[in-house]
Amino acid sequence: MFVIGATKKLQNEIDQPIENVEEYQNVPEIYQWHANVVTINRRKCLLLMNNATGLNLTLFGLRKQQFQHLDSVIKGSLKQLFQLLGVEKKVADQMLDAADEIVYTKTKSRKVLGMLNEIKFFSEDMAAGKAYEDIDAAEINQFNNKELVFSNLEHIKTYKEFIHYFEQQ
């Protein structure tokens, strides 16, 4: 089960019940995420970040219909992200199996929200001055996960933090 802490902006976009965050305290951190909706180049984008590792996904140009089926959009996009980053199949399958059930709650971590704001800044910067069609989402997601440095993570880069988490299991 994935527990996604949705910001107020995202709550307004989705037609899903917002559960009480306290009911899902026992879900392992690796299956907890935060999500926000931002506007980049006049298009709605979804930012999704893992609470435990900072692994993140930026989806560009989402339309209303995609917000109505956000669970399947997230699962399919995470599968593509894992392939892009070269995540081991066993690990990717474990994460995607957990994504079969997704519940939405209010946000609970200011640290993760701060990291989401950094992702927004870098995604805007990489998309600046480009036509929407010229934005390379794969390049931006790869940079945000393999190159971007977060000082509040033990292993600094989110991809390394994600891999390290599963090596410890």
N, C-alpha and C. Protein backbone atom coordinates (compact mmCIF):
# COMPACT_ATOMS: atom_id res chain seq x y z
N MET A 1 0.83 -1.18 0.00
CA MET A 1 0.00 0.00 0.00
C MET A 1 0.88 1.25 0.00
N PHE A 2 0.57 2.18 -0.89
CA PHE A 2 1.23 3.48 -0.89
C PHE A 2 0.33 4.46 -0.14
N VAL A 3 0.95 5.28 0.69
CA VAL A 3 0.25 6.36 1.37
C VAL A 3 0.84 7.65 0.81
N ILE A 4 0.01 8.44 0.15
CA ILE A 4 0.49 9.68 -0.47
C ILE A 4 -0.07 10.87 0.28
N GLY A 5 0.83 11.67 0.84
CA GLY A 5 0.45 12.91 1.49
C GLY A 5 0.22 13.96 0.42
N ALA A 6 -1.02 14.31 0.20
CA ALA A 6 -1.38 15.24 -0.87
C ALA A 6 -1.48 16.66 -0.33
N THR A 7 -0.84 17.60 -1.03
CA THR A 7 -0.99 19.00 -0.65
C THR A 7 -2.41 19.44 -0.97
N LYS A 8 -2.79 20.58 -0.44
CA LYS A 8 -4.14 21.11 -0.68
C LYS A 8 -4.40 21.29 -2.18
N LYS A 9 -3.38 21.73 -2.92
CA LYS A 9 -3.54 21.90 -4.37
C LYS A 9 -3.89 20.58 -5.04
N LEU A 10 -3.21 19.51 -4.64
CA LEU A 10 -3.49 18.20 -5.23
C LEU A 10 -4.86 17.70 -4.78
N GLN A 11 -5.20 17.91 -3.53
CA GLN A 11 -6.51 17.48 -3.03
C GLN A 11 -7.64 18.10 -3.85
N ASN A 12 -7.44 19.34 -4.30
CA ASN A 12 -8.46 20.01 -5.11
C ASN A 12 -8.56 19.42 -6.51
N GLU A 13 -7.50 18.78 -7.00
CA GLU A 13 -7.47 18.23 -8.36
C GLU A 13 -8.04 16.82 -8.43
N ILE A 14 -7.88 16.05 -7.37
CA ILE A 14 -8.27 14.64 -7.42
C ILE A 14 -9.64 14.43 -6.81
N ASP A 15 -10.31 13.40 -7.28
CA ASP A 15 -11.63 13.05 -6.75
C ASP A 15 -11.48 11.79 -5.90
N GLN A 16 -10.65 11.90 -4.87
CA GLN A 16 -10.36 10.77 -3.99
C GLN A 16 -10.61 11.21 -2.55
N PRO A 17 -11.05 10.28 -1.70
CA PRO A 17 -11.21 10.65 -0.29
C PRO A 17 -9.85 10.88 0.36
N ILE A 18 -9.77 11.86 1.24
CA ILE A 18 -8.53 12.15 1.98
C ILE A 18 -8.66 11.48 3.34
N GLU A 19 -7.82 10.48 3.56
CA GLU A 19 -7.87 9.69 4.80
C GLU A 19 -7.12 10.40 5.92
N ASN A 20 -7.34 9.94 7.14
CA ASN A 20 -6.63 10.47 8.30
C ASN A 20 -5.21 9.90 8.31
N VAL A 21 -4.22 10.77 8.33
CA VAL A 21 -2.82 10.35 8.25
C VAL A 21 -2.42 9.46 9.43
N GLU A 22 -3.07 9.64 10.57
CA GLU A 22 -2.75 8.87 11.78
C GLU A 22 -3.05 7.37 11.60
N GLU A 23 -4.01 7.05 10.74
CA GLU A 23 -4.38 5.65 10.55
C GLU A 23 -3.32 4.85 9.80
N TYR A 24 -2.37 5.54 9.19
CA TYR A 24 -1.38 4.86 8.34
C TYR A 24 0.04 5.03 8.86
N GLN A 25 0.19 5.25 10.16
CA GLN A 25 1.51 5.42 10.77
C GLN A 25 2.34 4.14 10.69
N ASN A 26 1.69 2.98 10.62
CA ASN A 26 2.41 1.71 10.62
C ASN A 26 2.91 1.29 9.24
N VAL A 27 2.54 2.03 8.19
CA VAL A 27 3.03 1.72 6.85
C VAL A 27 4.51 2.12 6.79
N PRO A 28 5.39 1.21 6.32
CA PRO A 28 6.82 1.55 6.25
C PRO A 28 7.07 2.83 5.45
N GLU A 29 8.04 3.61 5.88
CA GLU A 29 8.36 4.91 5.24
C GLU A 29 8.62 4.77 3.74
N ILE A 30 9.17 3.63 3.31
CA ILE A 30 9.50 3.46 1.89
C ILE A 30 8.24 3.48 1.03
N TYR A 31 7.08 3.19 1.64
CA TYR A 31 5.82 3.19 0.90
C TYR A 31 5.01 4.46 1.15
N GLN A 32 5.63 5.45 1.77
CA GLN A 32 4.96 6.73 2.01
C GLN A 32 5.57 7.79 1.10
N TRP A 33 4.72 8.60 0.51
CA TRP A 33 5.13 9.60 -0.46
C TRP A 33 4.45 10.93 -0.13
N HIS A 34 4.95 12.00 -0.72
CA HIS A 34 4.28 13.29 -0.71
C HIS A 34 4.11 13.71 -2.17
N ALA A 35 3.03 14.43 -2.45
CA ALA A 35 2.77 14.85 -3.82
C ALA A 35 2.22 16.27 -3.83
N ASN A 36 2.56 16.99 -4.89
CA ASN A 36 2.10 18.37 -5.06
C ASN A 36 1.83 18.62 -6.53
N VAL A 37 0.97 19.57 -6.82
CA VAL A 37 0.71 20.01 -8.18
C VAL A 37 1.30 21.40 -8.33
N VAL A 38 2.08 21.58 -9.38
CA VAL A 38 2.67 22.88 -9.68
C VAL A 38 2.43 23.19 -11.15
N THR A 39 2.66 24.43 -11.52
CA THR A 39 2.53 24.83 -12.92
C THR A 39 3.92 25.15 -13.46
N ILE A 40 4.30 24.45 -14.51
CA ILE A 40 5.57 24.69 -15.19
C ILE A 40 5.26 24.90 -16.66
N ASN A 41 5.72 26.01 -17.22
CA ASN A 41 5.42 26.38 -18.61
C ASN A 41 3.91 26.34 -18.89
N ARG A 42 3.14 26.87 -17.97
CA ARG A 42 1.69 26.98 -18.08
C ARG A 42 0.98 25.64 -18.18
N ARG A 43 1.62 24.57 -17.71
CA ARG A 43 1.00 23.24 -17.69
C ARG A 43 1.05 22.68 -16.27
N LYS A 44 0.02 21.94 -15.91
CA LYS A 44 0.00 21.32 -14.58
C LYS A 44 0.96 20.14 -14.55
N CYS A 45 1.74 20.10 -13.49
CA CYS A 45 2.71 19.02 -13.30
C CYS A 45 2.54 18.43 -11.91
N LEU A 46 2.78 17.14 -11.80
CA LEU A 46 2.72 16.45 -10.52
C LEU A 46 4.14 16.16 -10.05
N LEU A 47 4.43 16.54 -8.82
CA LEU A 47 5.70 16.20 -8.19
C LEU A 47 5.40 15.16 -7.12
N LEU A 48 6.11 14.04 -7.17
CA LEU A 48 5.92 12.94 -6.23
C LEU A 48 7.27 12.61 -5.61
N MET A 49 7.33 12.52 -4.28
CA MET A 49 8.60 12.25 -3.61
C MET A 49 8.42 11.22 -2.50
N ASN A 50 9.35 10.27 -2.45
CA ASN A 50 9.35 9.23 -1.43
C ASN A 50 9.83 9.80 -0.11
N ASN A 51 9.11 9.51 0.98
CA ASN A 51 9.46 10.05 2.30
C ASN A 51 10.78 9.51 2.82
N ALA A 52 11.07 8.23 2.59
CA ALA A 52 12.25 7.60 3.18
C ALA A 52 13.54 7.95 2.44
N THR A 53 13.46 8.05 1.11
CA THR A 53 14.69 8.17 0.32
C THR A 53 14.79 9.44 -0.50
N GLY A 54 13.69 10.15 -0.69
CA GLY A 54 13.71 11.34 -1.52
C GLY A 54 13.61 11.04 -3.00
N LEU A 55 13.51 9.75 -3.38
CA LEU A 55 13.33 9.39 -4.79
C LEU A 55 12.12 10.17 -5.30
N ASN A 56 12.23 10.77 -6.47
CA ASN A 56 11.15 11.64 -6.91
C ASN A 56 10.81 11.46 -8.37
N LEU A 57 9.63 11.92 -8.73
CA LEU A 57 9.10 11.80 -10.07
C LEU A 57 8.39 13.10 -10.41
N THR A 58 8.70 13.65 -11.57
CA THR A 58 8.02 14.85 -12.06
C THR A 58 7.25 14.46 -13.32
N LEU A 59 5.94 14.65 -13.30
CA LEU A 59 5.10 14.36 -14.46
C LEU A 59 4.63 15.68 -15.05
N PHE A 60 4.93 15.90 -16.31
CA PHE A 60 4.62 17.17 -16.97
C PHE A 60 3.31 17.09 -17.75
N GLY A 61 2.56 18.20 -17.72
CA GLY A 61 1.40 18.38 -18.58
C GLY A 61 0.23 17.44 -18.31
N LEU A 62 -0.09 17.23 -17.05
CA LEU A 62 -1.23 16.36 -16.73
C LEU A 62 -2.55 17.08 -17.03
N ARG A 63 -3.49 16.32 -17.53
CA ARG A 63 -4.81 16.85 -17.83
C ARG A 63 -5.82 16.31 -16.80
N LYS A 64 -7.01 16.89 -16.83
CA LYS A 64 -8.05 16.52 -15.86
C LYS A 64 -8.31 15.02 -15.85
N GLN A 65 -8.37 14.41 -17.02
CA GLN A 65 -8.65 12.97 -17.10
C GLN A 65 -7.56 12.15 -16.39
N GLN A 66 -6.32 12.60 -16.49
CA GLN A 66 -5.23 11.88 -15.82
C GLN A 66 -5.32 12.02 -14.30
N PHE A 67 -5.79 13.16 -13.83
CA PHE A 67 -5.98 13.33 -12.39
C PHE A 67 -7.11 12.41 -11.89
N GLN A 68 -8.10 12.13 -12.74
CA GLN A 68 -9.19 11.23 -12.35
C GLN A 68 -8.71 9.79 -12.21
N HIS A 69 -7.65 9.43 -12.92
CA HIS A 69 -7.08 8.07 -12.87
C HIS A 69 -5.65 8.14 -12.36
N LEU A 70 -5.43 8.95 -11.33
CA LEU A 70 -4.08 9.23 -10.86
C LEU A 70 -3.35 7.99 -10.35
N ASP A 71 -4.07 7.05 -9.74
CA ASP A 71 -3.42 5.84 -9.23
C ASP A 71 -2.68 5.10 -10.35
N SER A 72 -3.35 4.87 -11.47
CA SER A 72 -2.71 4.14 -12.57
C SER A 72 -1.64 4.98 -13.25
N VAL A 73 -1.83 6.30 -13.30
CA VAL A 73 -0.80 7.19 -13.87
C VAL A 73 0.47 7.11 -13.03
N ILE A 74 0.32 7.14 -11.71
CA ILE A 74 1.48 7.07 -10.81
C ILE A 74 2.19 5.73 -10.95
N LYS A 75 1.43 4.65 -10.95
CA LYS A 75 2.05 3.32 -11.04
C LYS A 75 2.80 3.15 -12.36
N GLY A 76 2.19 3.53 -13.46
CA GLY A 76 2.84 3.41 -14.77
C GLY A 76 4.07 4.29 -14.88
N SER A 77 3.99 5.49 -14.32
CA SER A 77 5.11 6.43 -14.38
C SER A 77 6.26 5.98 -13.49
N LEU A 78 5.94 5.39 -12.34
CA LEU A 78 7.01 4.86 -11.47
C LEU A 78 7.73 3.71 -12.16
N LYS A 79 6.98 2.88 -12.87
CA LYS A 79 7.60 1.77 -13.61
C LYS A 79 8.61 2.32 -14.62
N GLN A 80 8.22 3.36 -15.35
CA GLN A 80 9.13 3.99 -16.31
C GLN A 80 10.33 4.62 -15.61
N LEU A 81 10.11 5.25 -14.46
CA LEU A 81 11.20 5.86 -13.71
C LEU A 81 12.21 4.81 -13.27
N PHE A 82 11.72 3.68 -12.76
CA PHE A 82 12.62 2.61 -12.32
C PHE A 82 13.44 2.07 -13.49
N GLN A 83 12.82 1.96 -14.68
CA GLN A 83 13.56 1.52 -15.86
C GLN A 83 14.61 2.55 -16.25
N LEU A 84 14.23 3.82 -16.23
CA LEU A 84 15.14 4.91 -16.58
C LEU A 84 16.36 4.93 -15.66
N LEU A 85 16.13 4.72 -14.37
CA LEU A 85 17.22 4.78 -13.39
C LEU A 85 17.99 3.47 -13.28
N GLY A 86 17.50 2.42 -13.93
CA GLY A 86 18.18 1.13 -13.87
C GLY A 86 18.02 0.43 -12.53
N VAL A 87 16.85 0.59 -11.91
CA VAL A 87 16.58 -0.05 -10.63
C VAL A 87 16.42 -1.56 -10.86
N GLU A 88 16.99 -2.35 -9.98
CA GLU A 88 16.91 -3.81 -10.05
C GLU A 88 15.45 -4.25 -10.15
N LYS A 89 15.18 -5.23 -11.02
CA LYS A 89 13.80 -5.66 -11.28
C LYS A 89 13.09 -6.11 -10.01
N LYS A 90 13.77 -6.83 -9.13
CA LYS A 90 13.15 -7.33 -7.90
C LYS A 90 12.67 -6.16 -7.03
N VAL A 91 13.49 -5.12 -6.93
CA VAL A 91 13.14 -3.94 -6.14
C VAL A 91 11.98 -3.20 -6.79
N ALA A 92 12.06 -3.02 -8.11
CA ALA A 92 11.00 -2.32 -8.83
C ALA A 92 9.67 -3.05 -8.68
N ASP A 93 9.70 -4.38 -8.81
CA ASP A 93 8.47 -5.17 -8.68
C ASP A 93 7.88 -5.05 -7.27
N GLN A 94 8.74 -5.05 -6.27
CA GLN A 94 8.28 -4.92 -4.88
C GLN A 94 7.57 -3.58 -4.68
N MET A 95 8.15 -2.52 -5.23
CA MET A 95 7.54 -1.19 -5.10
C MET A 95 6.23 -1.11 -5.89
N LEU A 96 6.23 -1.65 -7.10
CA LEU A 96 5.03 -1.57 -7.94
C LEU A 96 3.90 -2.42 -7.38
N ASP A 97 4.23 -3.55 -6.74
CA ASP A 97 3.19 -4.36 -6.09
C ASP A 97 2.53 -3.57 -4.96
N ALA A 98 3.33 -2.81 -4.23
CA ALA A 98 2.79 -2.00 -3.14
C ALA A 98 1.89 -0.89 -3.68
N ALA A 99 2.14 -0.47 -4.92
CA ALA A 99 1.37 0.62 -5.52
C ALA A 99 -0.01 0.17 -6.02
N ASP A 100 -0.33 -1.11 -5.85
CA ASP A 100 -1.65 -1.58 -6.27
C ASP A 100 -2.77 -0.90 -5.49
N GLU A 101 -2.49 -0.55 -4.25
CA GLU A 101 -3.47 0.18 -3.43
C GLU A 101 -2.83 1.50 -3.00
N ILE A 102 -3.50 2.60 -3.32
CA ILE A 102 -2.99 3.92 -2.98
C ILE A 102 -4.06 4.66 -2.19
N VAL A 103 -3.66 5.20 -1.04
CA VAL A 103 -4.56 6.05 -0.26
C VAL A 103 -3.94 7.44 -0.16
N TYR A 104 -4.80 8.44 -0.06
CA TYR A 104 -4.35 9.83 0.02
C TYR A 104 -4.65 10.38 1.41
N THR A 105 -3.68 11.08 1.96
CA THR A 105 -3.83 11.71 3.27
C THR A 105 -3.38 13.16 3.14
N LYS A 106 -3.45 13.88 4.25
CA LYS A 106 -2.84 15.21 4.29
C LYS A 106 -1.33 15.02 4.42
N THR A 107 -0.58 16.07 4.15
CA THR A 107 0.87 16.00 4.28
C THR A 107 1.26 15.94 5.75
N LYS A 108 2.46 15.39 6.02
CA LYS A 108 2.88 15.29 7.42
C LYS A 108 4.34 15.67 7.64
N SER A 109 5.12 15.88 6.59
CA SER A 109 6.55 16.12 6.76
C SER A 109 6.98 17.41 6.07
N ARG A 110 7.36 18.39 6.86
CA ARG A 110 7.83 19.65 6.28
C ARG A 110 9.17 19.45 5.57
N LYS A 111 9.96 18.49 6.04
CA LYS A 111 11.25 18.19 5.39
C LYS A 111 11.02 17.75 3.94
N VAL A 112 10.08 16.82 3.74
CA VAL A 112 9.79 16.33 2.39
C VAL A 112 9.18 17.44 1.53
N LEU A 113 8.32 18.26 2.12
CA LEU A 113 7.74 19.38 1.37
C LEU A 113 8.82 20.36 0.92
N GLY A 114 9.81 20.59 1.78
CA GLY A 114 10.93 21.45 1.41
C GLY A 114 11.73 20.87 0.26
N MET A 115 11.94 19.55 0.29
CA MET A 115 12.66 18.89 -0.81
C MET A 115 11.83 18.94 -2.09
N LEU A 116 10.50 18.83 -1.97
CA LEU A 116 9.63 18.96 -3.15
C LEU A 116 9.77 20.34 -3.77
N ASN A 117 9.88 21.37 -2.93
CA ASN A 117 10.07 22.72 -3.46
C ASN A 117 11.38 22.85 -4.22
N GLU A 118 12.43 22.17 -3.74
CA GLU A 118 13.70 22.19 -4.47
C GLU A 118 13.55 21.51 -5.83
N ILE A 119 12.82 20.40 -5.87
CA ILE A 119 12.58 19.71 -7.14
C ILE A 119 11.83 20.63 -8.10
N LYS A 120 10.84 21.34 -7.57
CA LYS A 120 10.08 22.29 -8.40
C LYS A 120 11.01 23.33 -9.00
N PHE A 121 11.89 23.89 -8.17
CA PHE A 121 12.81 24.92 -8.63
C PHE A 121 13.71 24.39 -9.76
N PHE A 122 14.29 23.22 -9.57
CA PHE A 122 15.20 22.68 -10.58
C PHE A 122 14.46 22.25 -11.85
N SER A 123 13.25 21.72 -11.70
CA SER A 123 12.47 21.34 -12.87
C SER A 123 12.08 22.57 -13.68
N GLU A 124 11.67 23.64 -12.98
CA GLU A 124 11.35 24.90 -13.67
C GLU A 124 12.57 25.43 -14.40
N ASP A 125 13.72 25.37 -13.74
CA ASP A 125 14.95 25.88 -14.33
C ASP A 125 15.33 25.10 -15.59
N MET A 126 15.20 23.78 -15.55
CA MET A 126 15.57 22.96 -16.70
C MET A 126 14.57 23.10 -17.85
N ALA A 127 13.33 23.50 -17.53
CA ALA A 127 12.31 23.66 -18.56
C ALA A 127 12.22 25.10 -19.07
N ALA A 128 12.91 26.02 -18.42
CA ALA A 128 12.81 27.44 -18.76
C ALA A 128 13.27 27.69 -20.20
N GLY A 129 12.49 28.51 -20.90
CA GLY A 129 12.85 28.91 -22.24
C GLY A 129 12.60 27.85 -23.30
N LYS A 130 12.03 26.72 -22.92
CA LYS A 130 11.76 25.65 -23.89
C LYS A 130 10.27 25.58 -24.16
N ALA A 131 9.93 25.24 -25.39
CA ALA A 131 8.54 24.95 -25.70
C ALA A 131 8.16 23.68 -24.97
N TYR A 132 6.88 23.53 -24.65
CA TYR A 132 6.44 22.37 -23.88
C TYR A 132 6.89 21.07 -24.56
N GLU A 133 6.80 21.01 -25.87
CA GLU A 133 7.15 19.80 -26.62
C GLU A 133 8.63 19.48 -26.53
N ASP A 134 9.46 20.48 -26.23
CA ASP A 134 10.91 20.28 -26.17
C ASP A 134 11.42 19.90 -24.78
N ILE A 135 10.54 19.87 -23.80
CA ILE A 135 10.96 19.51 -22.44
C ILE A 135 11.24 18.01 -22.40
N ASP A 136 12.43 17.65 -21.97
CA ASP A 136 12.83 16.24 -21.87
C ASP A 136 12.59 15.75 -20.44
N ALA A 137 11.41 15.16 -20.22
CA ALA A 137 11.03 14.72 -18.87
C ALA A 137 11.98 13.65 -18.35
N ALA A 138 12.45 12.77 -19.22
CA ALA A 138 13.38 11.71 -18.79
C ALA A 138 14.68 12.32 -18.28
N GLU A 139 15.19 13.31 -19.00
CA GLU A 139 16.43 13.97 -18.58
C GLU A 139 16.25 14.67 -17.23
N ILE A 140 15.14 15.35 -17.07
CA ILE A 140 14.87 16.08 -15.82
C ILE A 140 14.73 15.10 -14.66
N ASN A 141 13.99 14.01 -14.86
CA ASN A 141 13.81 13.03 -13.78
C ASN A 141 15.13 12.34 -13.43
N GLN A 142 15.94 12.06 -14.45
CA GLN A 142 17.23 11.43 -14.18
C GLN A 142 18.13 12.39 -13.39
N PHE A 143 18.15 13.66 -13.79
CA PHE A 143 18.96 14.65 -13.07
C PHE A 143 18.49 14.79 -11.63
N ASN A 144 17.17 14.92 -11.44
CA ASN A 144 16.62 15.12 -10.10
C ASN A 144 16.92 13.95 -9.16
N ASN A 145 17.10 12.76 -9.70
CA ASN A 145 17.34 11.58 -8.86
C ASN A 145 18.81 11.18 -8.76
N LYS A 146 19.59 11.43 -9.80
CA LYS A 146 20.98 10.96 -9.78
C LYS A 146 22.00 12.06 -9.56
N GLU A 147 21.65 13.30 -9.86
CA GLU A 147 22.62 14.39 -9.77
C GLU A 147 22.32 15.39 -8.66
N LEU A 148 21.05 15.65 -8.43
CA LEU A 148 20.65 16.68 -7.47
C LEU A 148 21.04 16.27 -6.05
N VAL A 149 21.66 17.19 -5.34
CA VAL A 149 22.17 16.91 -4.00
C VAL A 149 21.22 17.48 -2.94
N PHE A 150 20.85 16.63 -1.99
CA PHE A 150 20.06 17.05 -0.84
C PHE A 150 20.90 16.87 0.41
N SER A 151 21.18 17.93 1.10
CA SER A 151 22.06 17.86 2.27
C SER A 151 21.44 17.11 3.44
N ASN A 152 20.11 16.98 3.47
CA ASN A 152 19.48 16.31 4.61
C ASN A 152 19.30 14.80 4.39
N LEU A 153 19.91 14.25 3.34
CA LEU A 153 19.91 12.81 3.13
C LEU A 153 21.28 12.25 3.50
N GLU A 154 21.29 11.08 4.09
CA GLU A 154 22.55 10.46 4.52
C GLU A 154 23.48 10.21 3.33
N HIS A 155 22.92 9.75 2.22
CA HIS A 155 23.74 9.43 1.06
C HIS A 155 23.65 10.52 -0.01
N ILE A 156 23.20 11.67 0.35
CA ILE A 156 23.18 12.90 -0.45
C ILE A 156 22.29 12.82 -1.69
N LYS A 157 22.46 11.83 -2.56
CA LYS A 157 21.67 11.76 -3.79
C LYS A 157 20.55 10.73 -3.62
N THR A 158 19.36 11.07 -4.11
CA THR A 158 18.17 10.26 -3.84
C THR A 158 18.28 8.84 -4.38
N TYR A 159 18.83 8.68 -5.57
CA TYR A 159 18.95 7.34 -6.15
C TYR A 159 19.83 6.45 -5.27
N LYS A 160 20.95 7.00 -4.80
CA LYS A 160 21.85 6.23 -3.93
C LYS A 160 21.16 5.89 -2.61
N GLU A 161 20.39 6.82 -2.10
CA GLU A 161 19.64 6.60 -0.85
C GLU A 161 18.62 5.46 -1.05
N PHE A 162 17.95 5.47 -2.20
CA PHE A 162 16.95 4.45 -2.53
C PHE A 162 17.60 3.07 -2.62
N ILE A 163 18.71 2.96 -3.35
CA ILE A 163 19.42 1.69 -3.49
C ILE A 163 19.94 1.22 -2.14
N HIS A 164 20.50 2.14 -1.36
CA HIS A 164 21.03 1.80 -0.04
C HIS A 164 19.93 1.25 0.87
N TYR A 165 18.73 1.82 0.78
CA TYR A 165 17.61 1.35 1.61
C TYR A 165 17.35 -0.13 1.36
N PHE A 166 17.34 -0.55 0.09
CA PHE A 166 17.04 -1.95 -0.22
C PHE A 166 18.24 -2.86 0.02
N GLU A 167 19.44 -2.34 -0.01
CA GLU A 167 20.62 -3.15 0.32
C GLU A 167 20.61 -3.53 1.80
N GLN A 168 20.02 -2.67 2.63
CA GLN A 168 19.95 -2.94 4.07
C GLN A 168 18.90 -3.98 4.42
N GLN A 169 17.95 -4.20 3.53
CA GLN A 169 16.85 -5.14 3.82
C GLN A 169 17.32 -6.57 3.85
